[in-house]
N, C-alpha and C. Protein backbone atom coordinates (compact mmCIF):
# COMPACT_ATOMS: atom_id res chain seq x y z
N MET A 1 36.19 -35.70 -15.26
CA MET A 1 35.19 -36.18 -14.22
C MET A 1 34.46 -37.47 -14.74
N ASP A 2 34.20 -38.30 -13.82
CA ASP A 2 33.53 -39.54 -14.23
C ASP A 2 32.01 -39.25 -14.07
N LYS A 3 31.26 -40.18 -14.53
CA LYS A 3 29.71 -40.08 -14.61
C LYS A 3 29.05 -39.90 -13.30
N ALA A 4 29.68 -40.68 -12.31
CA ALA A 4 29.10 -40.72 -10.89
C ALA A 4 29.30 -39.31 -10.28
N THR A 5 30.39 -38.67 -10.45
CA THR A 5 30.57 -37.27 -9.94
C THR A 5 29.70 -36.32 -10.58
N VAL A 6 29.34 -36.30 -11.86
CA VAL A 6 28.47 -35.56 -12.54
C VAL A 6 27.22 -35.71 -12.01
N LEU A 7 26.65 -36.96 -11.95
CA LEU A 7 25.31 -37.23 -11.52
C LEU A 7 25.15 -36.75 -9.99
N GLY A 8 26.16 -36.97 -9.22
CA GLY A 8 26.18 -36.45 -7.78
C GLY A 8 25.95 -35.07 -7.70
N GLU A 9 26.74 -34.31 -8.45
CA GLU A 9 26.59 -32.80 -8.40
C GLU A 9 25.41 -32.44 -9.03
N ALA A 10 24.83 -32.97 -10.00
CA ALA A 10 23.48 -32.70 -10.51
C ALA A 10 22.42 -32.83 -9.48
N ILE A 11 22.52 -33.98 -8.80
CA ILE A 11 21.29 -34.29 -7.71
C ILE A 11 21.50 -33.20 -6.72
N ASP A 12 22.66 -32.90 -6.16
CA ASP A 12 22.79 -31.89 -5.17
C ASP A 12 22.32 -30.50 -5.66
N TYR A 13 22.48 -30.08 -6.97
CA TYR A 13 22.04 -29.01 -7.49
C TYR A 13 20.53 -28.85 -7.58
N VAL A 14 19.89 -29.96 -8.07
CA VAL A 14 18.48 -30.02 -8.08
C VAL A 14 17.85 -29.92 -6.52
N LYS A 15 18.47 -30.55 -5.66
CA LYS A 15 18.05 -30.52 -4.22
C LYS A 15 18.07 -29.10 -3.73
N ARG A 16 19.15 -28.21 -4.09
CA ARG A 16 19.28 -26.90 -3.61
C ARG A 16 18.18 -26.16 -4.27
N LEU A 17 17.81 -26.30 -5.56
CA LEU A 17 16.82 -25.67 -6.27
C LEU A 17 15.45 -25.98 -5.70
N GLN A 18 15.15 -27.20 -5.35
CA GLN A 18 13.90 -27.52 -4.72
C GLN A 18 13.74 -26.75 -3.41
N GLU A 19 14.84 -26.70 -2.61
CA GLU A 19 14.73 -26.04 -1.22
C GLU A 19 14.44 -24.55 -1.49
N ARG A 20 15.14 -24.01 -2.52
CA ARG A 20 14.90 -22.64 -2.75
C ARG A 20 13.46 -22.26 -3.19
N VAL A 21 12.88 -23.18 -3.94
CA VAL A 21 11.44 -23.08 -4.46
C VAL A 21 10.50 -23.16 -3.07
N ARG A 22 10.77 -23.98 -2.17
CA ARG A 22 10.03 -24.13 -0.89
C ARG A 22 10.18 -22.85 -0.07
N GLU A 23 11.36 -22.25 -0.02
CA GLU A 23 11.51 -20.97 0.66
C GLU A 23 10.73 -19.74 0.10
N LEU A 24 10.78 -19.85 -1.30
CA LEU A 24 10.10 -18.72 -1.99
C LEU A 24 8.53 -18.87 -1.78
N GLU A 25 7.99 -20.12 -1.97
CA GLU A 25 6.65 -20.40 -1.70
C GLU A 25 6.23 -19.97 -0.25
N ASN A 26 7.01 -20.34 0.77
CA ASN A 26 6.70 -19.96 2.13
C ASN A 26 6.58 -18.41 2.25
N ASN A 27 7.64 -17.69 1.67
CA ASN A 27 7.74 -16.26 1.76
C ASN A 27 6.27 -15.73 0.98
N GLU A 28 5.90 -16.35 -0.04
CA GLU A 28 4.77 -15.78 -0.68
C GLU A 28 3.46 -15.96 0.16
N LYS A 29 3.35 -17.09 0.88
CA LYS A 29 2.30 -17.49 1.75
C LYS A 29 2.24 -16.35 2.83
N LYS A 30 3.39 -16.06 3.45
CA LYS A 30 3.54 -15.11 4.49
C LYS A 30 3.04 -13.74 4.02
N ARG A 31 3.47 -13.33 2.90
CA ARG A 31 3.02 -12.02 2.25
C ARG A 31 1.60 -11.97 2.09
N LYS A 32 0.89 -13.00 1.53
CA LYS A 32 -0.51 -13.09 1.34
C LYS A 32 -1.24 -12.94 2.71
N ARG A 33 -0.83 -13.65 3.65
CA ARG A 33 -1.37 -13.50 4.93
C ARG A 33 -1.30 -12.11 5.58
N ARG A 34 -0.33 -11.41 5.20
CA ARG A 34 -0.07 -10.05 5.83
C ARG A 34 -0.83 -8.95 5.18
N GLY A 35 -1.46 -9.34 3.98
CA GLY A 35 -2.48 -8.43 3.26
C GLY A 35 -1.85 -7.86 2.07
N GLY A 36 -1.80 -8.53 1.00
CA GLY A 36 -1.46 -7.98 -0.28
C GLY A 36 -0.43 -8.77 -1.08
N GLY A 37 0.68 -9.08 -0.41
CA GLY A 37 1.67 -9.94 -1.06
C GLY A 37 2.24 -9.36 -2.34
N GLY A 38 2.48 -8.08 -2.36
CA GLY A 38 2.97 -7.37 -3.41
C GLY A 38 2.09 -6.98 -4.50
N ARG A 39 0.80 -7.43 -4.38
CA ARG A 39 -0.33 -7.00 -5.34
C ARG A 39 -0.62 -5.60 -5.16
N VAL A 40 -1.11 -4.92 -6.18
CA VAL A 40 -1.43 -3.56 -6.09
C VAL A 40 -2.91 -3.40 -6.19
N ARG A 41 -3.45 -2.59 -5.26
CA ARG A 41 -4.86 -2.27 -5.15
C ARG A 41 -4.90 -0.77 -5.39
N LYS A 42 -5.45 -0.31 -6.53
CA LYS A 42 -5.41 1.10 -6.81
C LYS A 42 -6.77 1.60 -7.28
N GLU A 43 -7.27 2.59 -6.56
CA GLU A 43 -8.50 3.18 -6.82
C GLU A 43 -8.13 4.50 -7.50
N LYS A 44 -8.50 4.63 -8.61
CA LYS A 44 -8.18 5.87 -9.43
C LYS A 44 -9.53 6.53 -9.99
N THR A 45 -9.83 7.62 -9.29
CA THR A 45 -11.11 8.19 -9.59
C THR A 45 -10.92 9.68 -9.90
N SER A 46 -9.86 10.15 -10.39
CA SER A 46 -9.70 11.52 -10.66
C SER A 46 -10.62 12.13 -11.74
N THR A 47 -11.15 11.38 -12.53
CA THR A 47 -11.98 11.94 -13.51
C THR A 47 -13.48 12.00 -13.07
N GLU A 48 -13.77 11.24 -11.90
CA GLU A 48 -15.23 11.30 -11.49
C GLU A 48 -15.45 12.55 -10.70
N LYS A 49 -16.66 12.92 -10.65
CA LYS A 49 -17.08 14.14 -9.81
C LYS A 49 -18.11 13.68 -8.93
N CYS A 50 -18.12 14.34 -7.72
CA CYS A 50 -19.28 14.02 -6.79
C CYS A 50 -19.69 15.42 -6.32
N TRP A 51 -20.68 15.47 -5.44
CA TRP A 51 -21.20 16.69 -5.08
C TRP A 51 -21.03 16.83 -3.58
N CYS A 52 -20.54 18.00 -3.20
CA CYS A 52 -20.45 18.34 -1.84
C CYS A 52 -21.68 18.81 -1.32
N CYS A 53 -22.11 18.27 -0.14
CA CYS A 53 -23.42 18.62 0.33
C CYS A 53 -23.65 20.08 0.79
N ARG A 54 -22.55 20.72 1.41
CA ARG A 54 -22.64 22.04 1.73
C ARG A 54 -22.64 23.16 0.66
N ALA A 55 -21.74 22.91 -0.24
CA ALA A 55 -21.31 24.00 -1.27
C ALA A 55 -22.26 23.67 -2.49
N GLN A 56 -22.73 22.54 -2.63
CA GLN A 56 -23.54 22.16 -3.96
C GLN A 56 -22.73 22.50 -5.16
N GLU A 57 -21.47 22.18 -5.12
CA GLU A 57 -20.53 22.38 -6.29
C GLU A 57 -19.74 21.05 -6.49
N ALA A 58 -19.30 20.81 -7.70
CA ALA A 58 -18.58 19.60 -7.90
C ALA A 58 -17.29 19.58 -7.31
N VAL A 59 -16.76 18.44 -6.75
CA VAL A 59 -15.36 18.48 -6.22
C VAL A 59 -14.86 17.18 -6.79
N GLU A 60 -13.58 17.13 -6.99
CA GLU A 60 -12.98 15.80 -7.46
C GLU A 60 -12.82 14.91 -6.25
N VAL A 61 -13.10 13.53 -6.59
CA VAL A 61 -12.84 12.53 -5.73
C VAL A 61 -11.42 12.32 -5.55
N PRO A 62 -10.94 12.14 -4.42
CA PRO A 62 -9.49 11.80 -4.16
C PRO A 62 -9.01 10.63 -4.80
N GLU A 63 -7.80 10.68 -5.31
CA GLU A 63 -7.20 9.45 -5.84
C GLU A 63 -6.23 8.75 -4.91
N MET A 64 -6.37 7.54 -4.71
CA MET A 64 -5.52 6.82 -3.75
C MET A 64 -4.95 5.55 -4.24
N GLU A 65 -3.81 5.23 -3.89
CA GLU A 65 -3.12 3.99 -4.28
C GLU A 65 -2.34 3.32 -3.01
N VAL A 66 -2.49 2.07 -2.87
CA VAL A 66 -1.80 1.40 -1.82
C VAL A 66 -1.08 0.16 -2.38
N ARG A 67 0.18 -0.06 -2.10
CA ARG A 67 0.95 -1.08 -2.58
C ARG A 67 1.60 -1.85 -1.35
N VAL A 68 1.71 -3.04 -1.27
CA VAL A 68 2.36 -3.86 -0.18
C VAL A 68 3.35 -4.76 -0.83
N LEU A 69 4.58 -4.62 -0.28
CA LEU A 69 5.65 -5.49 -0.63
C LEU A 69 6.42 -5.96 0.64
N GLU A 70 6.40 -7.22 0.95
CA GLU A 70 7.04 -7.84 2.17
C GLU A 70 6.40 -7.11 3.39
N ASN A 71 7.39 -6.32 4.08
CA ASN A 71 6.95 -5.62 5.31
C ASN A 71 6.59 -4.13 5.14
N GLU A 72 6.59 -3.60 3.95
CA GLU A 72 6.42 -2.25 3.71
C GLU A 72 5.17 -1.90 2.86
N VAL A 73 4.61 -0.81 3.17
CA VAL A 73 3.30 -0.30 2.52
C VAL A 73 3.57 1.10 1.97
N LEU A 74 3.23 1.14 0.77
CA LEU A 74 3.34 2.50 -0.02
C LEU A 74 2.08 3.01 -0.14
N VAL A 75 1.85 4.25 0.28
CA VAL A 75 0.48 4.89 0.27
C VAL A 75 0.68 6.17 -0.49
N ARG A 76 -0.21 6.41 -1.62
CA ARG A 76 -0.24 7.64 -2.32
C ARG A 76 -1.59 8.21 -2.28
N VAL A 77 -1.59 9.48 -1.97
CA VAL A 77 -2.95 10.21 -1.99
C VAL A 77 -2.84 11.40 -2.90
N GLN A 78 -3.80 11.67 -3.86
CA GLN A 78 -3.73 12.96 -4.54
C GLN A 78 -5.19 13.49 -4.34
N CYS A 79 -5.22 14.66 -3.79
CA CYS A 79 -6.47 15.23 -3.44
C CYS A 79 -6.45 16.83 -3.48
N GLU A 80 -7.50 17.40 -3.07
CA GLU A 80 -7.52 18.72 -2.74
C GLU A 80 -6.79 19.07 -1.55
N GLY A 81 -5.90 20.02 -1.53
CA GLY A 81 -5.06 20.27 -0.32
C GLY A 81 -5.83 20.81 0.87
N ARG A 82 -5.42 20.19 2.02
CA ARG A 82 -5.90 20.75 3.22
C ARG A 82 -4.64 20.73 4.11
N ARG A 83 -4.56 21.68 5.09
CA ARG A 83 -3.34 21.78 5.91
C ARG A 83 -3.03 20.70 6.72
N ASP A 84 -4.10 19.91 7.14
CA ASP A 84 -3.89 18.82 8.06
C ASP A 84 -3.69 17.44 7.39
N MET A 85 -3.74 17.40 6.10
CA MET A 85 -3.90 16.08 5.22
C MET A 85 -2.75 15.08 5.61
N MET A 86 -1.52 15.64 5.66
CA MET A 86 -0.21 14.81 5.83
C MET A 86 -0.32 14.27 7.27
N ARG A 87 -0.52 15.23 8.31
CA ARG A 87 -0.64 14.86 9.67
C ARG A 87 -1.64 13.78 9.97
N LYS A 88 -2.87 14.03 9.45
CA LYS A 88 -3.92 13.03 9.60
C LYS A 88 -3.57 11.69 8.93
N THR A 89 -2.97 11.64 7.82
CA THR A 89 -2.71 10.30 7.19
C THR A 89 -1.69 9.61 8.06
N VAL A 90 -0.66 10.28 8.53
CA VAL A 90 0.33 9.66 9.36
C VAL A 90 -0.32 9.04 10.56
N GLU A 91 -1.21 9.84 11.25
CA GLU A 91 -1.90 9.33 12.49
C GLU A 91 -2.82 8.05 12.14
N LEU A 92 -3.52 8.14 10.95
CA LEU A 92 -4.33 6.97 10.65
C LEU A 92 -3.44 5.77 10.34
N LEU A 93 -2.33 5.96 9.80
CA LEU A 93 -1.57 4.80 9.46
C LEU A 93 -0.96 4.26 10.81
N GLU A 94 -0.52 5.05 11.72
CA GLU A 94 -0.08 4.53 12.95
C GLU A 94 -1.08 3.92 13.75
N HIS A 95 -2.27 4.38 13.57
CA HIS A 95 -3.40 3.81 14.43
C HIS A 95 -3.62 2.31 14.02
N VAL A 96 -3.36 1.91 12.81
CA VAL A 96 -3.58 0.52 12.28
C VAL A 96 -2.17 -0.20 12.30
N HIS A 97 -1.15 0.28 13.03
CA HIS A 97 0.09 -0.47 13.26
C HIS A 97 0.87 -0.30 12.03
N LEU A 98 0.99 0.84 11.39
CA LEU A 98 1.88 1.04 10.15
C LEU A 98 2.49 2.36 10.40
N PRO A 99 3.55 2.34 11.21
CA PRO A 99 4.34 3.54 11.49
C PRO A 99 5.08 3.96 10.22
N VAL A 100 5.06 5.21 9.93
CA VAL A 100 5.55 5.85 8.69
C VAL A 100 7.03 6.07 8.85
N SER A 101 7.84 5.51 7.87
CA SER A 101 9.23 5.68 7.88
C SER A 101 9.81 6.73 6.96
N CYS A 102 8.95 7.21 6.00
CA CYS A 102 9.31 8.16 5.11
C CYS A 102 8.03 8.79 4.36
N CYS A 103 8.00 10.07 4.28
CA CYS A 103 6.84 10.74 3.72
C CYS A 103 7.25 12.02 2.95
N ASN A 104 6.43 12.28 1.97
CA ASN A 104 6.79 13.38 1.03
C ASN A 104 5.47 13.96 0.61
N SER A 105 5.35 15.28 0.41
CA SER A 105 4.16 15.87 -0.09
C SER A 105 4.60 16.88 -1.12
N LEU A 106 3.73 17.10 -2.04
CA LEU A 106 4.04 17.91 -3.08
C LEU A 106 2.80 18.72 -3.45
N ALA A 107 2.77 19.99 -3.42
CA ALA A 107 1.56 20.90 -3.74
C ALA A 107 1.71 21.17 -5.24
N PHE A 108 0.70 21.10 -5.93
CA PHE A 108 0.67 21.55 -7.30
C PHE A 108 -0.59 22.37 -7.51
N GLY A 109 -0.39 23.40 -8.32
CA GLY A 109 -1.63 24.35 -8.52
C GLY A 109 -1.80 25.03 -7.24
N ASN A 110 -3.09 25.62 -7.17
CA ASN A 110 -3.42 26.36 -5.95
C ASN A 110 -4.05 25.47 -4.76
N SER A 111 -4.60 24.37 -5.20
CA SER A 111 -5.14 23.58 -4.18
C SER A 111 -4.90 22.12 -4.20
N ALA A 112 -4.23 21.54 -5.23
CA ALA A 112 -4.03 20.19 -5.26
C ALA A 112 -2.72 19.70 -4.42
N LEU A 113 -2.88 18.49 -3.91
CA LEU A 113 -1.84 18.01 -3.07
C LEU A 113 -1.57 16.52 -3.34
N SER A 114 -0.33 16.08 -3.43
CA SER A 114 0.05 14.77 -3.62
C SER A 114 1.01 14.32 -2.55
N ILE A 115 0.49 13.25 -1.82
CA ILE A 115 1.24 12.76 -0.57
C ILE A 115 1.66 11.31 -0.94
N THR A 116 3.04 11.02 -0.66
CA THR A 116 3.41 9.67 -0.75
C THR A 116 4.14 9.36 0.49
N MET A 117 3.79 8.10 1.06
CA MET A 117 4.26 7.64 2.44
C MET A 117 4.76 6.25 2.23
N VAL A 118 5.82 5.76 2.95
CA VAL A 118 6.19 4.51 3.12
C VAL A 118 6.12 4.08 4.65
N ALA A 119 5.40 2.99 4.88
CA ALA A 119 5.21 2.56 6.32
C ALA A 119 5.69 1.21 6.44
N GLN A 120 6.06 0.75 7.73
CA GLN A 120 6.48 -0.48 8.00
C GLN A 120 5.50 -1.20 8.79
N MET A 121 5.21 -2.49 8.34
CA MET A 121 4.22 -3.26 9.04
C MET A 121 4.71 -3.86 10.38
N LYS A 122 3.84 -3.64 11.42
CA LYS A 122 4.22 -4.22 12.79
C LYS A 122 3.51 -5.55 12.72
N ASP A 123 3.78 -6.37 13.64
CA ASP A 123 3.19 -7.76 13.72
C ASP A 123 1.58 -7.54 14.09
N GLN A 124 1.15 -6.46 14.75
CA GLN A 124 -0.23 -6.27 14.93
C GLN A 124 -0.97 -5.93 13.73
N TYR A 125 -0.44 -5.54 12.55
CA TYR A 125 -1.19 -5.15 11.38
C TYR A 125 -1.81 -6.28 10.90
N LYS A 126 -3.24 -6.19 10.56
CA LYS A 126 -4.01 -7.35 10.09
C LYS A 126 -4.87 -6.97 8.92
N MET A 127 -4.75 -5.85 8.43
CA MET A 127 -5.71 -5.37 7.32
C MET A 127 -5.25 -5.84 5.90
N LYS A 128 -6.24 -6.14 5.10
CA LYS A 128 -5.99 -6.38 3.72
C LYS A 128 -5.84 -4.98 2.97
N VAL A 129 -5.42 -5.05 1.74
CA VAL A 129 -5.14 -3.74 1.06
C VAL A 129 -6.55 -3.11 0.69
N ASN A 130 -7.53 -3.81 0.37
CA ASN A 130 -8.79 -3.14 0.12
C ASN A 130 -9.32 -2.45 1.37
N ASP A 131 -9.18 -3.17 2.53
CA ASP A 131 -9.69 -2.64 3.76
C ASP A 131 -9.01 -1.37 4.26
N LEU A 132 -7.67 -1.35 3.92
CA LEU A 132 -6.77 -0.17 4.21
C LEU A 132 -7.22 1.17 3.42
N ILE A 133 -7.44 0.82 2.19
CA ILE A 133 -7.93 1.89 1.30
C ILE A 133 -9.29 2.41 1.80
N LYS A 134 -10.23 1.52 2.12
CA LYS A 134 -11.59 1.91 2.55
C LYS A 134 -11.40 2.78 3.85
N TYR A 135 -10.61 2.29 4.81
CA TYR A 135 -10.39 2.95 6.01
C TYR A 135 -9.81 4.32 5.87
N LEU A 136 -8.79 4.43 5.07
CA LEU A 136 -8.09 5.76 4.79
C LEU A 136 -9.07 6.71 4.10
N ARG A 137 -9.80 6.18 3.13
CA ARG A 137 -10.71 7.07 2.40
C ARG A 137 -11.94 7.58 3.36
N GLN A 138 -12.43 6.61 4.18
CA GLN A 138 -13.41 7.07 5.10
C GLN A 138 -13.02 8.07 6.13
N HIS A 139 -11.79 7.86 6.63
CA HIS A 139 -11.33 8.76 7.75
C HIS A 139 -10.69 10.08 7.27
N LEU A 140 -10.09 9.99 6.09
CA LEU A 140 -9.40 11.22 5.67
C LEU A 140 -10.36 12.31 4.98
N PHE A 141 -11.47 11.75 4.43
CA PHE A 141 -12.31 12.70 3.70
C PHE A 141 -13.64 12.82 4.27
N GLU A 142 -13.83 12.30 5.52
CA GLU A 142 -15.16 12.48 6.06
C GLU A 142 -15.46 13.92 6.45
N SER A 143 -14.37 14.67 6.82
CA SER A 143 -14.56 16.10 7.14
C SER A 143 -14.81 17.01 5.98
N GLN A 144 -14.52 16.43 4.65
CA GLN A 144 -14.75 17.28 3.48
C GLN A 144 -16.30 17.08 3.01
N ASP A 145 -17.03 16.08 3.71
CA ASP A 145 -18.27 15.70 3.29
C ASP A 145 -18.33 15.27 1.84
N VAL A 146 -17.25 14.61 1.34
CA VAL A 146 -17.33 14.07 -0.02
C VAL A 146 -18.02 12.77 -0.11
N ARG A 147 -18.83 12.50 -0.93
CA ARG A 147 -19.47 11.25 -0.97
C ARG A 147 -19.35 10.57 -2.29
């Protein structure tokens, strides 16, 4: 190979790399606008205690984690089990334009429940990760009177 051919191929390769960097930067900007961009917002409060107004006894504060990656949202909830917890979580996610594509629940012990769901973002979805956590926490646990 002569020097001109080597330089020409090197220039083409650098141009392809620059284009790929622009594509990745644009994808990252889109993810950030959709609320999260792959960042994890996790509220972990399993060691905290709060008081239930009615029973005047300590109850564990539910643990919640939300992750966003491209157009998918992973939601994990660990709490005291209630029969309607999974159904209510699915309804709340669908209400904010996050239809659930996969869900799983696991009961452990007599009253603990672990729910994991994957939802797909629709174009109408506009919430940030922190706002989604607040929304879910507020609506899932309001009937338990947990403060």
